[in-house]
Amino acid sequence: MYLLRFLLAPRRPSRLFALVDAGGRCRAFRQSAQAPVGAGWIEVNEQRLCWLQQPLPASARISQVGKTTRTSKALAA
């Protein structure tokens, strides 16, 4: 029964994150539905082991889109 529920249940999409130190070097990767807690984690579009201990290429980073809240829209109107 558990297997059937596991196969039919909707799944959250996984996202890729890289831990970047102060020098811009990639220290670790993590795959998760939510952003990891802590400083230095950024979202990337792919995971390559050759990036470990190397500067993370700018093309790998996913730009964060600013989110507007309902409160700011209501105040602006």
N, C-alpha and C. Protein backbone atom coordinates (compact mmCIF):
# COMPACT_ATOMS: atom_id res chain seq x y z
N MET A 1 0.82 -1.19 0.00
CA MET A 1 0.00 0.00 0.00
C MET A 1 0.87 1.27 0.00
N TYR A 2 1.95 1.23 0.78
CA TYR A 2 2.85 2.39 0.84
C TYR A 2 3.46 2.66 -0.53
N LEU A 3 3.85 1.62 -1.22
CA LEU A 3 4.45 1.78 -2.54
C LEU A 3 3.48 2.43 -3.51
N LEU A 4 2.22 2.04 -3.47
CA LEU A 4 1.22 2.63 -4.35
C LEU A 4 1.03 4.12 -4.04
N ARG A 5 0.96 4.46 -2.76
CA ARG A 5 0.82 5.86 -2.37
C ARG A 5 2.06 6.66 -2.79
N PHE A 6 3.23 6.07 -2.65
CA PHE A 6 4.47 6.73 -3.03
C PHE A 6 4.51 7.01 -4.53
N LEU A 7 4.05 6.07 -5.33
CA LEU A 7 4.08 6.23 -6.79
C LEU A 7 3.06 7.24 -7.29
N LEU A 8 1.91 7.37 -6.62
CA LEU A 8 0.84 8.23 -7.09
C LEU A 8 0.84 9.62 -6.45
N ALA A 9 1.57 9.79 -5.37
CA ALA A 9 1.56 11.09 -4.67
C ALA A 9 2.32 12.13 -5.48
N PRO A 10 1.82 13.36 -5.48
CA PRO A 10 2.56 14.43 -6.18
C PRO A 10 3.86 14.74 -5.46
N ARG A 11 4.89 15.05 -6.22
CA ARG A 11 6.21 15.33 -5.65
C ARG A 11 6.56 16.79 -5.85
N ARG A 12 7.27 17.33 -4.90
CA ARG A 12 7.79 18.68 -5.05
C ARG A 12 9.00 18.64 -5.98
N PRO A 13 9.13 19.62 -6.83
CA PRO A 13 10.31 19.63 -7.70
C PRO A 13 11.58 19.88 -6.90
N SER A 14 12.63 19.16 -7.21
CA SER A 14 13.91 19.34 -6.54
C SER A 14 14.67 20.49 -7.18
N ARG A 15 15.37 21.22 -6.34
CA ARG A 15 16.20 22.33 -6.80
C ARG A 15 17.63 22.05 -6.39
N LEU A 16 18.57 22.61 -7.14
CA LEU A 16 20.00 22.40 -6.87
C LEU A 16 20.60 23.64 -6.23
N PHE A 17 21.41 23.43 -5.19
CA PHE A 17 22.07 24.52 -4.48
C PHE A 17 23.55 24.21 -4.36
N ALA A 18 24.35 25.27 -4.34
CA ALA A 18 25.80 25.14 -4.16
C ALA A 18 26.20 26.02 -2.99
N LEU A 19 27.11 25.51 -2.16
CA LEU A 19 27.67 26.27 -1.04
C LEU A 19 28.92 26.96 -1.55
N VAL A 20 28.91 28.29 -1.50
CA VAL A 20 30.02 29.08 -2.01
C VAL A 20 30.65 29.83 -0.84
N ASP A 21 31.99 29.75 -0.74
CA ASP A 21 32.68 30.45 0.34
C ASP A 21 32.92 31.92 -0.01
N ALA A 22 33.59 32.64 0.87
CA ALA A 22 33.81 34.08 0.67
C ALA A 22 34.66 34.36 -0.57
N GLY A 23 35.50 33.43 -0.97
CA GLY A 23 36.34 33.60 -2.15
C GLY A 23 35.66 33.22 -3.45
N GLY A 24 34.39 32.77 -3.39
CA GLY A 24 33.65 32.39 -4.59
C GLY A 24 33.87 30.95 -5.02
N ARG A 25 34.53 30.15 -4.19
CA ARG A 25 34.78 28.74 -4.53
C ARG A 25 33.62 27.87 -4.06
N CYS A 26 33.28 26.89 -4.89
CA CYS A 26 32.20 25.95 -4.58
C CYS A 26 32.71 24.93 -3.58
N ARG A 27 32.01 24.77 -2.47
CA ARG A 27 32.42 23.84 -1.42
C ARG A 27 31.54 22.59 -1.33
N ALA A 28 30.27 22.69 -1.72
CA ALA A 28 29.38 21.54 -1.61
C ALA A 28 28.15 21.75 -2.50
N PHE A 29 27.44 20.65 -2.75
CA PHE A 29 26.19 20.69 -3.49
C PHE A 29 25.09 20.09 -2.63
N ARG A 30 23.86 20.52 -2.90
CA ARG A 30 22.72 19.95 -2.18
C ARG A 30 21.50 20.02 -3.10
N GLN A 31 20.71 18.96 -3.08
CA GLN A 31 19.48 18.91 -3.85
C GLN A 31 18.33 18.86 -2.86
N SER A 32 17.41 19.83 -2.98
CA SER A 32 16.35 19.95 -1.99
C SER A 32 15.16 20.68 -2.60
N ALA A 33 14.00 20.53 -1.99
CA ALA A 33 12.81 21.25 -2.45
C ALA A 33 12.83 22.69 -1.95
N GLN A 34 13.54 22.94 -0.83
CA GLN A 34 13.63 24.28 -0.25
C GLN A 34 15.08 24.69 -0.16
N ALA A 35 15.30 25.98 -0.06
CA ALA A 35 16.66 26.50 0.07
C ALA A 35 17.23 26.09 1.43
N PRO A 36 18.49 25.66 1.47
CA PRO A 36 19.12 25.31 2.74
C PRO A 36 19.27 26.54 3.64
N VAL A 37 19.26 26.30 4.94
CA VAL A 37 19.42 27.37 5.91
C VAL A 37 20.91 27.63 6.09
N GLY A 38 21.29 28.88 6.13
CA GLY A 38 22.68 29.23 6.34
C GLY A 38 23.20 30.13 5.24
N ALA A 39 24.30 30.77 5.53
CA ALA A 39 24.90 31.70 4.58
C ALA A 39 25.71 30.95 3.53
N GLY A 40 25.73 31.49 2.32
CA GLY A 40 26.57 30.94 1.27
C GLY A 40 25.89 30.00 0.30
N TRP A 41 24.66 29.61 0.55
CA TRP A 41 23.96 28.70 -0.36
C TRP A 41 23.30 29.52 -1.47
N ILE A 42 23.57 29.16 -2.71
CA ILE A 42 22.94 29.81 -3.85
C ILE A 42 22.35 28.74 -4.77
N GLU A 43 21.32 29.11 -5.51
CA GLU A 43 20.69 28.16 -6.42
C GLU A 43 21.44 28.15 -7.74
N VAL A 44 21.68 26.94 -8.26
CA VAL A 44 22.38 26.77 -9.53
C VAL A 44 21.50 25.97 -10.48
N ASN A 45 21.82 26.06 -11.77
CA ASN A 45 21.01 25.37 -12.77
C ASN A 45 21.46 23.94 -13.03
N GLU A 46 22.67 23.61 -12.64
CA GLU A 46 23.17 22.24 -12.80
C GLU A 46 24.25 21.97 -11.77
N GLN A 47 24.62 20.71 -11.66
CA GLN A 47 25.61 20.28 -10.68
C GLN A 47 26.74 19.55 -11.41
N ARG A 48 27.94 20.08 -11.28
CA ARG A 48 29.11 19.44 -11.90
C ARG A 48 30.18 19.25 -10.84
N LEU A 49 30.66 18.03 -10.71
CA LEU A 49 31.67 17.74 -9.70
C LEU A 49 32.98 18.47 -9.96
N CYS A 50 33.25 18.82 -11.20
CA CYS A 50 34.49 19.54 -11.51
C CYS A 50 34.48 20.95 -10.94
N TRP A 51 33.32 21.46 -10.49
CA TRP A 51 33.24 22.78 -9.88
C TRP A 51 33.70 22.78 -8.43
N LEU A 52 33.74 21.62 -7.78
CA LEU A 52 34.15 21.57 -6.38
C LEU A 52 35.58 22.09 -6.22
N GLN A 53 35.77 22.92 -5.20
CA GLN A 53 37.05 23.55 -4.88
C GLN A 53 37.52 24.51 -5.96
N GLN A 54 36.63 24.88 -6.89
CA GLN A 54 36.94 25.81 -7.97
C GLN A 54 35.97 26.99 -7.91
N PRO A 55 36.33 28.12 -8.50
CA PRO A 55 35.37 29.23 -8.57
C PRO A 55 34.14 28.81 -9.37
N LEU A 56 32.97 29.14 -8.85
CA LEU A 56 31.72 28.79 -9.51
C LEU A 56 31.50 29.71 -10.70
N PRO A 57 31.25 29.17 -11.90
CA PRO A 57 31.02 30.03 -13.06
C PRO A 57 29.74 30.86 -12.90
N ALA A 58 29.76 32.06 -13.40
CA ALA A 58 28.59 32.94 -13.30
C ALA A 58 27.40 32.37 -14.06
N SER A 59 27.65 31.61 -15.11
CA SER A 59 26.56 31.05 -15.90
C SER A 59 25.79 29.96 -15.14
N ALA A 60 26.37 29.43 -14.07
CA ALA A 60 25.71 28.38 -13.31
C ALA A 60 24.68 28.94 -12.33
N ARG A 61 24.83 30.19 -11.96
CA ARG A 61 23.93 30.78 -10.97
C ARG A 61 22.57 31.09 -11.58
N ILE A 62 21.53 30.89 -10.78
CA ILE A 62 20.18 31.24 -11.19
C ILE A 62 19.88 32.58 -10.56
N SER A 63 19.49 33.54 -11.38
CA SER A 63 19.20 34.87 -10.85
C SER A 63 17.91 34.81 -10.06
N GLN A 64 17.93 35.44 -8.91
CA GLN A 64 16.77 35.47 -8.04
C GLN A 64 15.84 36.58 -8.51
N VAL A 65 14.60 36.23 -8.76
CA VAL A 65 13.61 37.20 -9.21
C VAL A 65 12.94 37.78 -7.98
N GLY A 66 12.86 39.09 -7.91
CA GLY A 66 12.22 39.74 -6.77
C GLY A 66 10.73 39.44 -6.74
N LYS A 67 10.24 39.07 -5.59
CA LYS A 67 8.83 38.75 -5.45
C LYS A 67 8.10 39.93 -4.81
N THR A 68 6.97 40.25 -5.37
CA THR A 68 6.16 41.31 -4.78
C THR A 68 5.07 40.68 -3.94
N THR A 69 4.76 41.32 -2.87
CA THR A 69 3.72 40.80 -1.98
C THR A 69 2.42 41.55 -2.22
N ARG A 70 1.36 41.01 -1.75
CA ARG A 70 0.06 41.65 -1.89
C ARG A 70 0.03 42.96 -1.13
N THR A 71 0.72 43.02 0.00
CA THR A 71 0.72 44.22 0.82
C THR A 71 1.33 45.39 0.06
N SER A 72 2.45 45.15 -0.62
CA SER A 72 3.08 46.24 -1.37
C SER A 72 2.21 46.67 -2.54
N LYS A 73 1.49 45.76 -3.16
CA LYS A 73 0.59 46.13 -4.26
C LYS A 73 -0.59 46.95 -3.73
N ALA A 74 -1.10 46.58 -2.57
CA ALA A 74 -2.23 47.29 -2.01
C ALA A 74 -1.83 48.71 -1.61
N LEU A 75 -0.63 48.86 -1.08
CA LEU A 75 -0.17 50.18 -0.67
C LEU A 75 0.10 51.07 -1.88
N ALA A 76 0.51 50.48 -2.98
CA ALA A 76 0.83 51.25 -4.17
C ALA A 76 -0.43 51.74 -4.88
N ALA A 77 -1.53 51.05 -4.70
CA ALA A 77 -2.77 51.41 -5.40
C ALA A 77 -3.49 52.59 -4.83
